[in-house]
Amino acid sequence: MLKDPSLTIEKFRNGEESKYLIKSPREIHLTLKPVAQKKAIVVLYYNDDEHFIKTILLEANETGIWVDVGPNEEINSQILNSSHVVLVTMQNGTKLQFVCPPIEVAVYASHPAFFFPLPSKMIRLQRRDYFRLPVSADTPLKCTIPHPQETEIVQKEIIIMDISVGGIALTCKETDVKLETGEIYPECQIELPGVGTLKVTIQVKNLFDVTAYNGKVSKHAGCEFIGLDGKTSILLQRYIALMQSKLSR
């Protein structure tokens, strides 16, 4: 599990993203150039953000951006044919996110690559604006969701991939609750070791498939906390601060 914040797509409402936008082509180029120099990991979301691959930003200059293709030809073809592709990466603790202009096949350093022109705008988020704590296997967390059945309510535990003051990302298995985008799930519980138990209401904001390099696909759910009270928020912030201090040792 990477210690960096999870490279998920940030969702905004009511024009909130405007305060994080940069629109100067020169500034976009200069922001992405050091990312390419480090050959940093980027995530390409495609098929309406339902799938993604991890890859590498190879080059960024005034004309456009080159990204390494994935190992799966079928997935590469889907990316090329997707009408909506989003790139997310990190640069010195800042999350960068933008919608890619039309992608085409190119060659970079004698190897196949994706190429697209510089985007017209890019979201730049500082760590304090979005920080998500990745959950490792050493400190697992689960979200218990009440699941009504014919004769009783069954408590289903779903593994948490990352957690923030705004919400959680869940890794869903076939035997878990069948989550639906937009649905609200009240009376959920999250046990935070050494801190306490959160009692929360969550709303599923997006569902997407994650494709690993080995081709294995898993389903993830991005969820937002609804109506988080002050006491619960303090417990959550305390836990995140505790885990951050452990990771920095």
C-alpha atoms as a PDB file:
ATOM      1  CA  MET A   1       0.000   0.000   0.000  1.00  0.00           C
ATOM      2  CA  LEU A   2       1.439   3.390  -1.007  1.00  0.00           C
ATOM      3  CA  LYS A   3       1.912   5.960   1.727  1.00  0.00           C
ATOM      4  CA  ASP A   4       0.964   8.766  -0.665  1.00  0.00           C
ATOM      5  CA  PRO A   5      -2.651  10.006  -0.646  1.00  0.00           C
ATOM      6  CA  SER A   6      -4.890   7.967  -2.893  1.00  0.00           C
ATOM      7  CA  LEU A   7      -4.986   9.178  -6.498  1.00  0.00           C
ATOM      8  CA  THR A   8      -8.749   9.277  -6.797  1.00  0.00           C
ATOM      9  CA  ILE A   9     -10.752  11.831  -8.774  1.00  0.00           C
ATOM     10  CA  GLU A  10     -11.856  14.851  -6.763  1.00  0.00           C
ATOM     11  CA  LYS A  11     -15.544  15.675  -7.195  1.00  0.00           C
ATOM     12  CA  PHE A  12     -16.870  19.222  -6.817  1.00  0.00           C
ATOM     13  CA  ARG A  13     -20.304  20.806  -6.559  1.00  0.00           C
ATOM     14  CA  ASN A  14     -21.737  24.263  -7.239  1.00  0.00           C
ATOM     15  CA  GLY A  15     -18.659  25.623  -8.978  1.00  0.00           C
ATOM     16  CA  GLU A  16     -16.407  24.881  -5.998  1.00  0.00           C
ATOM     17  CA  GLU A  17     -13.576  23.743  -8.278  1.00  0.00           C
ATOM     18  CA  SER A  18     -13.060  27.277  -9.644  1.00  0.00           C
ATOM     19  CA  LYS A  19     -10.839  28.275  -6.704  1.00  0.00           C
ATOM     20  CA  TYR A  20      -8.457  25.401  -7.507  1.00  0.00           C
ATOM     21  CA  LEU A  21      -8.218  25.946 -11.281  1.00  0.00           C
ATOM     22  CA  ILE A  22      -5.181  27.101 -13.221  1.00  0.00           C
ATOM     23  CA  LYS A  23      -5.778  28.082 -16.865  1.00  0.00           C
ATOM     24  CA  SER A  24      -2.484  29.539 -18.062  1.00  0.00           C
ATOM     25  CA  PRO A  25      -0.874  27.166 -20.615  1.00  0.00           C
ATOM     26  CA  ARG A  26       2.563  28.239 -19.417  1.00  0.00           C
ATOM     27  CA  GLU A  27       1.712  27.574 -15.765  1.00  0.00           C
ATOM     28  CA  ILE A  28       0.197  24.183 -16.636  1.00  0.00           C
ATOM     29  CA  HIS A  29       3.322  23.259 -18.595  1.00  0.00           C
ATOM     30  CA  LEU A  30       5.674  24.391 -15.801  1.00  0.00           C
ATOM     31  CA  THR A  31       3.625  22.508 -13.213  1.00  0.00           C
ATOM     32  CA  LEU A  32       3.672  19.235 -15.160  1.00  0.00           C
ATOM     33  CA  LYS A  33       7.298  19.459 -16.341  1.00  0.00           C
ATOM     34  CA  PRO A  34       8.881  18.389 -13.002  1.00  0.00           C
ATOM     35  CA  VAL A  35       6.344  15.564 -12.713  1.00  0.00           C
ATOM     36  CA  ALA A  36       7.554  14.226 -16.060  1.00  0.00           C
ATOM     37  CA  GLN A  37      11.216  14.715 -15.113  1.00  0.00           C
ATOM     38  CA  LYS A  38      10.668  12.446 -12.102  1.00  0.00           C
ATOM     39  CA  LYS A  39       8.766   9.943 -14.274  1.00  0.00           C
ATOM     40  CA  ALA A  40       6.053  10.115 -11.620  1.00  0.00           C
ATOM     41  CA  ILE A  41       3.122   7.742 -11.350  1.00  0.00           C
ATOM     42  CA  VAL A  42      -0.104   9.045 -12.872  1.00  0.00           C
ATOM     43  CA  VAL A  43      -3.567   7.524 -13.013  1.00  0.00           C
ATOM     44  CA  LEU A  44      -5.648   7.597 -16.192  1.00  0.00           C
ATOM     45  CA  TYR A  45      -9.398   7.221 -15.658  1.00  0.00           C
ATOM     46  CA  TYR A  46     -11.432   6.236 -18.700  1.00  0.00           C
ATOM     47  CA  ASN A  47     -14.909   5.007 -19.722  1.00  0.00           C
ATOM     48  CA  ASP A  48     -16.664   7.765 -17.752  1.00  0.00           C
ATOM     49  CA  ASP A  49     -14.273   7.341 -14.791  1.00  0.00           C
ATOM     50  CA  GLU A  50     -15.397   3.747 -14.186  1.00  0.00           C
ATOM     51  CA  HIS A  51     -11.955   2.227 -14.926  1.00  0.00           C
ATOM     52  CA  PHE A  52      -8.384   3.351 -14.533  1.00  0.00           C
ATOM     53  CA  ILE A  53      -4.775   2.309 -15.050  1.00  0.00           C
ATOM     54  CA  LYS A  54      -1.606   3.442 -13.300  1.00  0.00           C
ATOM     55  CA  THR A  55       1.102   4.591 -15.669  1.00  0.00           C
ATOM     56  CA  ILE A  56       3.981   7.116 -15.977  1.00  0.00           C
ATOM     57  CA  LEU A  57       4.132  10.709 -17.210  1.00  0.00           C
ATOM     58  CA  LEU A  58       7.022  10.655 -19.692  1.00  0.00           C
ATOM     59  CA  GLU A  59       7.231  14.231 -20.961  1.00  0.00           C
ATOM     60  CA  ALA A  60       5.417  17.560 -20.821  1.00  0.00           C
ATOM     61  CA  ASN A  61       6.296  20.569 -22.959  1.00  0.00           C
ATOM     62  CA  GLU A  62       4.581  23.547 -24.588  1.00  0.00           C
ATOM     63  CA  THR A  63       2.895  21.364 -27.230  1.00  0.00           C
ATOM     64  CA  GLY A  64       1.547  18.527 -25.141  1.00  0.00           C
ATOM     65  CA  ILE A  65       2.005  15.547 -22.853  1.00  0.00           C
ATOM     66  CA  TRP A  66       3.312  12.013 -23.383  1.00  0.00           C
ATOM     67  CA  VAL A  67       2.178   9.166 -21.116  1.00  0.00           C
ATOM     68  CA  ASP A  68       3.378   5.557 -21.129  1.00  0.00           C
ATOM     69  CA  VAL A  69       0.868   3.080 -22.547  1.00  0.00           C
ATOM     70  CA  GLY A  70      -0.361   0.185 -20.423  1.00  0.00           C
ATOM     71  CA  PRO A  71       0.649  -3.466 -20.893  1.00  0.00           C
ATOM     72  CA  ASN A  72      -2.838  -4.524 -22.015  1.00  0.00           C
ATOM     73  CA  GLU A  73      -3.612  -3.725 -25.679  1.00  0.00           C
ATOM     74  CA  GLU A  74      -7.379  -4.063 -25.210  1.00  0.00           C
ATOM     75  CA  ILE A  75      -7.348  -1.553 -22.341  1.00  0.00           C
ATOM     76  CA  ASN A  76      -5.137   0.808 -24.347  1.00  0.00           C
ATOM     77  CA  SER A  77      -7.691   0.655 -27.153  1.00  0.00           C
ATOM     78  CA  GLN A  78     -10.512   1.450 -24.728  1.00  0.00           C
ATOM     79  CA  ILE A  79      -8.591   4.485 -23.480  1.00  0.00           C
ATOM     80  CA  LEU A  80      -8.075   5.751 -27.036  1.00  0.00           C
ATOM     81  CA  ASN A  81     -11.782   5.317 -27.792  1.00  0.00           C
ATOM     82  CA  SER A  82     -13.008   6.808 -24.518  1.00  0.00           C
ATOM     83  CA  SER A  83     -14.747  10.171 -24.846  1.00  0.00           C
ATOM     84  CA  HIS A  84     -13.765  11.225 -21.317  1.00  0.00           C
ATOM     85  CA  VAL A  85     -10.294  10.588 -19.868  1.00  0.00           C
ATOM     86  CA  VAL A  86      -9.073  12.156 -16.617  1.00  0.00           C
ATOM     87  CA  LEU A  87      -5.455  12.229 -15.445  1.00  0.00           C
ATOM     88  CA  VAL A  88      -4.556  12.479 -11.741  1.00  0.00           C
ATOM     89  CA  THR A  89      -1.038  12.748 -10.329  1.00  0.00           C
ATOM     90  CA  MET A  90       1.001  14.303  -7.510  1.00  0.00           C
ATOM     91  CA  GLN A  91       3.685  16.994  -7.451  1.00  0.00           C
ATOM     92  CA  ASN A  92       5.417  17.861  -4.153  1.00  0.00           C
ATOM     93  CA  GLY A  93       2.386  16.981  -2.044  1.00  0.00           C
ATOM     94  CA  THR A  94      -0.045  18.702  -4.422  1.00  0.00           C
ATOM     95  CA  LYS A  95      -2.706  16.786  -6.318  1.00  0.00           C
ATOM     96  CA  LEU A  96      -3.016  17.642 -10.024  1.00  0.00           C
ATOM     97  CA  GLN A  97      -6.104  16.649 -12.005  1.00  0.00           C
ATOM     98  CA  PHE A  98      -7.421  17.461 -15.469  1.00  0.00           C
ATOM     99  CA  VAL A  99      -9.582  16.192 -18.300  1.00  0.00           C
ATOM    100  CA  CYS A 100      -7.362  15.076 -21.181  1.00  0.00           C
ATOM    101  CA  PRO A 101      -7.891  16.478 -24.679  1.00  0.00           C
ATOM    102  CA  PRO A 102      -8.361  13.771 -27.366  1.00  0.00           C
ATOM    103  CA  ILE A 103      -5.636  11.129 -26.991  1.00  0.00           C
ATOM    104  CA  GLU A 104      -3.688   9.611 -29.863  1.00  0.00           C
ATOM    105  CA  VAL A 105      -0.954   6.992 -30.271  1.00  0.00           C
ATOM    106  CA  ALA A 106       2.572   8.379 -30.463  1.00  0.00           C
ATOM    107  CA  VAL A 107       6.204   7.371 -29.965  1.00  0.00           C
ATOM    108  CA  TYR A 108       8.423   8.575 -27.142  1.00  0.00           C
ATOM    109  CA  ALA A 109      12.082   7.488 -26.871  1.00  0.00           C
ATOM    110  CA  SER A 110      11.389   4.765 -29.479  1.00  0.00           C
ATOM    111  CA  HIS A 111       8.530   3.293 -27.416  1.00  0.00           C
ATOM    112  CA  PRO A 112       4.724   3.502 -27.836  1.00  0.00           C
ATOM    113  CA  ALA A 113       3.053   6.260 -25.839  1.00  0.00           C
ATOM    114  CA  PHE A 114      -0.200   8.190 -25.462  1.00  0.00           C
ATOM    115  CA  PHE A 115      -0.032  11.819 -26.555  1.00  0.00           C
ATOM    116  CA  PHE A 116      -2.483  14.677 -26.010  1.00  0.00           C
ATOM    117  CA  PRO A 117      -2.226  18.489 -26.193  1.00  0.00           C
ATOM    118  CA  LEU A 118      -1.906  20.540 -23.026  1.00  0.00           C
ATOM    119  CA  PRO A 119      -5.284  20.763 -21.265  1.00  0.00           C
ATOM    120  CA  SER A 120      -7.040  24.141 -21.211  1.00  0.00           C
ATOM    121  CA  LYS A 121      -7.378  24.004 -17.409  1.00  0.00           C
ATOM    122  CA  MET A 122      -6.099  21.962 -14.495  1.00  0.00           C
ATOM    123  CA  ILE A 123      -7.127  21.498 -10.870  1.00  0.00           C
ATOM    124  CA  ARG A 124      -4.352  21.953  -8.301  1.00  0.00           C
ATOM    125  CA  LEU A 125      -5.136  20.896  -4.738  1.00  0.00           C
ATOM    126  CA  GLN A 126      -2.826  21.377  -1.771  1.00  0.00           C
ATOM    127  CA  ARG A 127      -2.530  18.493   0.702  1.00  0.00           C
ATOM    128  CA  ARG A 128      -4.579  20.327   3.353  1.00  0.00           C
ATOM    129  CA  ASP A 129      -7.491  20.655   0.894  1.00  0.00           C
ATOM    130  CA  TYR A 130      -8.028  16.955   0.322  1.00  0.00           C
ATOM    131  CA  PHE A 131      -5.747  14.739   2.409  1.00  0.00           C
ATOM    132  CA  ARG A 132      -6.836  11.095   2.340  1.00  0.00           C
ATOM    133  CA  LEU A 133      -5.173   8.589   4.633  1.00  0.00           C
ATOM    134  CA  PRO A 134      -4.450   5.298   2.846  1.00  0.00           C
ATOM    135  CA  VAL A 135      -5.367   2.315   5.022  1.00  0.00           C
ATOM    136  CA  SER A 136      -2.664  -0.351   5.148  1.00  0.00           C
ATOM    137  CA  ALA A 137      -2.985  -4.064   5.902  1.00  0.00           C
ATOM    138  CA  ASP A 138      -1.151  -3.418   9.182  1.00  0.00           C
ATOM    139  CA  THR A 139      -3.924  -1.119  10.421  1.00  0.00           C
ATOM    140  CA  PRO A 140      -7.070  -2.363   8.614  1.00  0.00           C
ATOM    141  CA  LEU A 141     -10.354  -0.494   8.861  1.00  0.00           C
ATOM    142  CA  LYS A 142     -13.854  -1.688   7.983  1.00  0.00           C
ATOM    143  CA  CYS A 143     -17.141   0.104   7.520  1.00  0.00           C
ATOM    144  CA  THR A 144     -20.110  -1.793   8.958  1.00  0.00           C
ATOM    145  CA  ILE A 145     -23.249  -1.110   6.905  1.00  0.00           C
ATOM    146  CA  PRO A 146     -26.700  -2.319   8.059  1.00  0.00           C
ATOM    147  CA  HIS A 147     -28.201  -4.427   5.262  1.00  0.00           C
ATOM    148  CA  PRO A 148     -31.954  -5.155   5.493  1.00  0.00           C
ATOM    149  CA  GLN A 149     -32.977  -8.676   4.525  1.00  0.00           C
ATOM    150  CA  GLU A 150     -36.365 -10.411   4.583  1.00  0.00           C
ATOM    151  CA  THR A 151     -36.408 -11.280   8.280  1.00  0.00           C
ATOM    152  CA  GLU A 152     -33.558  -9.283   9.823  1.00  0.00           C
ATOM    153  CA  ILE A 153     -30.923  -6.588   9.380  1.00  0.00           C
ATOM    154  CA  VAL A 154     -27.492  -8.052   8.664  1.00  0.00           C
ATOM    155  CA  GLN A 155     -24.350  -6.053   9.463  1.00  0.00           C
ATOM    156  CA  LYS A 156     -22.031  -6.171   6.440  1.00  0.00           C
ATOM    157  CA  GLU A 157     -18.352  -5.205   6.876  1.00  0.00           C
ATOM    158  CA  ILE A 158     -16.631  -3.621   3.864  1.00  0.00           C
ATOM    159  CA  ILE A 159     -12.890  -2.957   3.705  1.00  0.00           C
ATOM    160  CA  ILE A 160     -11.882   0.730   3.716  1.00  0.00           C
ATOM    161  CA  MET A 161      -9.187   1.701   1.191  1.00  0.00           C
ATOM    162  CA  ASP A 162      -8.703   5.289   2.401  1.00  0.00           C
ATOM    163  CA  ILE A 163     -10.349   7.718   4.805  1.00  0.00           C
ATOM    164  CA  SER A 164     -10.524  11.509   5.160  1.00  0.00           C
ATOM    165  CA  VAL A 165     -12.600  14.081   7.033  1.00  0.00           C
ATOM    166  CA  GLY A 166     -14.867  14.139   3.982  1.00  0.00           C
ATOM    167  CA  GLY A 167     -15.475  10.450   3.372  1.00  0.00           C
ATOM    168  CA  ILE A 168     -14.116   6.988   2.616  1.00  0.00           C
ATOM    169  CA  ALA A 169     -13.237   4.774  -0.324  1.00  0.00           C
ATOM    170  CA  LEU A 170     -14.389   1.158  -0.078  1.00  0.00           C
ATOM    171  CA  THR A 171     -13.089  -1.986  -1.761  1.00  0.00           C
ATOM    172  CA  CYS A 172     -16.161  -4.067  -2.585  1.00  0.00           C
ATOM    173  CA  LYS A 173     -16.330  -7.842  -2.944  1.00  0.00           C
ATOM    174  CA  GLU A 174     -19.097  -9.877  -4.577  1.00  0.00           C
ATOM    175  CA  THR A 175     -20.416 -10.895  -1.139  1.00  0.00           C
ATOM    176  CA  ASP A 176     -20.629  -7.297   0.143  1.00  0.00           C
ATOM    177  CA  VAL A 177     -23.645  -5.007   0.100  1.00  0.00           C
ATOM    178  CA  LYS A 178     -24.515  -4.025  -3.480  1.00  0.00           C
ATOM    179  CA  LEU A 179     -23.849  -0.300  -3.210  1.00  0.00           C
ATOM    180  CA  GLU A 180     -25.623   2.073  -5.598  1.00  0.00           C
ATOM    181  CA  THR A 181     -24.400   5.473  -6.783  1.00  0.00           C
ATOM    182  CA  GLY A 182     -26.337   8.276  -5.080  1.00  0.00           C
ATOM    183  CA  GLU A 183     -27.768   6.016  -2.356  1.00  0.00           C
ATOM    184  CA  ILE A 184     -27.501   7.065   1.296  1.00  0.00           C
ATOM    185  CA  TYR A 185     -26.630   4.494   3.967  1.00  0.00           C
ATOM    186  CA  PRO A 186     -27.351   5.620   7.546  1.00  0.00           C
ATOM    187  CA  GLU A 187     -26.178   4.131  10.862  1.00  0.00           C
ATOM    188  CA  CYS A 188     -22.826   2.893   9.568  1.00  0.00           C
ATOM    189  CA  GLN A 189     -19.994   2.279  12.016  1.00  0.00           C
ATOM    190  CA  ILE A 190     -16.215   2.517  11.691  1.00  0.00           C
ATOM    191  CA  GLU A 191     -13.992   1.289  14.520  1.00  0.00           C
ATOM    192  CA  LEU A 192     -10.876   3.453  14.817  1.00  0.00           C
ATOM    193  CA  PRO A 193      -8.265   1.587  16.924  1.00  0.00           C
ATOM    194  CA  GLY A 194      -7.076   3.622  19.879  1.00  0.00           C
ATOM    195  CA  VAL A 195      -9.575   6.416  19.208  1.00  0.00           C
ATOM    196  CA  GLY A 196     -13.186   5.154  19.239  1.00  0.00           C
ATOM    197  CA  THR A 197     -16.119   4.207  17.051  1.00  0.00           C
ATOM    198  CA  LEU A 198     -17.531   6.508  14.375  1.00  0.00           C
ATOM    199  CA  LYS A 199     -21.277   6.392  13.771  1.00  0.00           C
ATOM    200  CA  VAL A 200     -21.846   7.924  10.349  1.00  0.00           C
ATOM    201  CA  THR A 201     -24.151   8.288   7.390  1.00  0.00           C
ATOM    202  CA  ILE A 202     -22.506   7.813   3.999  1.00  0.00           C
ATOM    203  CA  GLN A 203     -23.590   8.570   0.452  1.00  0.00           C
ATOM    204  CA  VAL A 204     -22.050   6.736  -2.505  1.00  0.00           C
ATOM    205  CA  LYS A 205     -20.717   9.358  -4.921  1.00  0.00           C
ATOM    206  CA  ASN A 206     -19.124   7.056  -7.497  1.00  0.00           C
ATOM    207  CA  LEU A 207     -18.463   3.413  -8.308  1.00  0.00           C
ATOM    208  CA  PHE A 208     -15.596   2.339 -10.558  1.00  0.00           C
ATOM    209  CA  ASP A 209     -13.496  -0.651 -11.511  1.00  0.00           C
ATOM    210  CA  VAL A 210      -9.787  -0.619 -10.734  1.00  0.00           C
ATOM    211  CA  THR A 211      -7.538  -2.486 -13.173  1.00  0.00           C
ATOM    212  CA  ALA A 212      -4.163  -3.595 -11.768  1.00  0.00           C
ATOM    213  CA  TYR A 213      -1.081  -4.210 -13.933  1.00  0.00           C
ATOM    214  CA  ASN A 214      -1.774  -7.952 -13.776  1.00  0.00           C
ATOM    215  CA  GLY A 215      -5.198  -7.335 -15.326  1.00  0.00           C
ATOM    216  CA  LYS A 216      -7.146  -8.132 -12.146  1.00  0.00           C
ATOM    217  CA  VAL A 217     -10.230  -5.935 -11.742  1.00  0.00           C
ATOM    218  CA  SER A 218     -11.776  -4.889  -8.416  1.00  0.00           C
ATOM    219  CA  LYS A 219     -14.690  -2.539  -7.671  1.00  0.00           C
ATOM    220  CA  HIS A 220     -14.236   0.548  -5.509  1.00  0.00           C
ATOM    221  CA  ALA A 221     -16.821   2.950  -4.072  1.00  0.00           C
ATOM    222  CA  GLY A 222     -16.132   6.583  -3.230  1.00  0.00           C
ATOM    223  CA  CYS A 223     -18.391   7.675  -0.356  1.00  0.00           C
ATOM    224  CA  GLU A 224     -19.055  11.027   1.307  1.00  0.00           C
ATOM    225  CA  PHE A 225     -19.926  11.541   4.977  1.00  0.00           C
ATOM    226  CA  ILE A 226     -23.334  13.198   5.367  1.00  0.00           C
ATOM    227  CA  GLY A 227     -24.093  15.462   8.339  1.00  0.00           C
ATOM    228  CA  LEU A 228     -20.908  14.687  10.257  1.00  0.00           C
ATOM    229  CA  ASP A 229     -21.262  16.183  13.760  1.00  0.00           C
ATOM    230  CA  GLY A 230     -18.494  17.961  15.660  1.00  0.00           C
ATOM    231  CA  LYS A 231     -17.658  15.104  18.030  1.00  0.00           C
ATOM    232  CA  THR A 232     -17.355  12.568  15.209  1.00  0.00           C
ATOM    233  CA  SER A 233     -15.251  14.972  13.144  1.00  0.00           C
ATOM    234  CA  ILE A 234     -12.851  15.481  16.070  1.00  0.00           C
ATOM    235  CA  LEU A 235     -12.467  11.701  16.544  1.00  0.00           C
ATOM    236  CA  LEU A 236     -11.733  11.303  12.839  1.00  0.00           C
ATOM    237  CA  GLN A 237      -9.185  14.127  12.770  1.00  0.00           C
ATOM    238  CA  ARG A 238      -7.504  12.659  15.853  1.00  0.00           C
ATOM    239  CA  TYR A 239      -7.171   9.267  14.181  1.00  0.00           C
ATOM    240  CA  ILE A 240      -5.789  10.721  10.929  1.00  0.00           C
ATOM    241  CA  ALA A 241      -3.251  12.810  12.869  1.00  0.00           C
ATOM    242  CA  LEU A 242      -2.230   9.733  14.883  1.00  0.00           C
ATOM    243  CA  MET A 243      -1.696   7.622  11.759  1.00  0.00           C
ATOM    244  CA  GLN A 244       0.151  10.439   9.952  1.00  0.00           C
ATOM    245  CA  SER A 245       2.599  10.693  12.837  1.00  0.00           C
ATOM    246  CA  LYS A 246       3.229   6.929  12.672  1.00  0.00           C
ATOM    247  CA  LEU A 247       3.812   7.044   8.907  1.00  0.00           C
ATOM    248  CA  SER A 248       6.330   9.876   9.242  1.00  0.00           C
ATOM    249  CA  ARG A 249       8.561   7.990  11.709  1.00  0.00           C
END
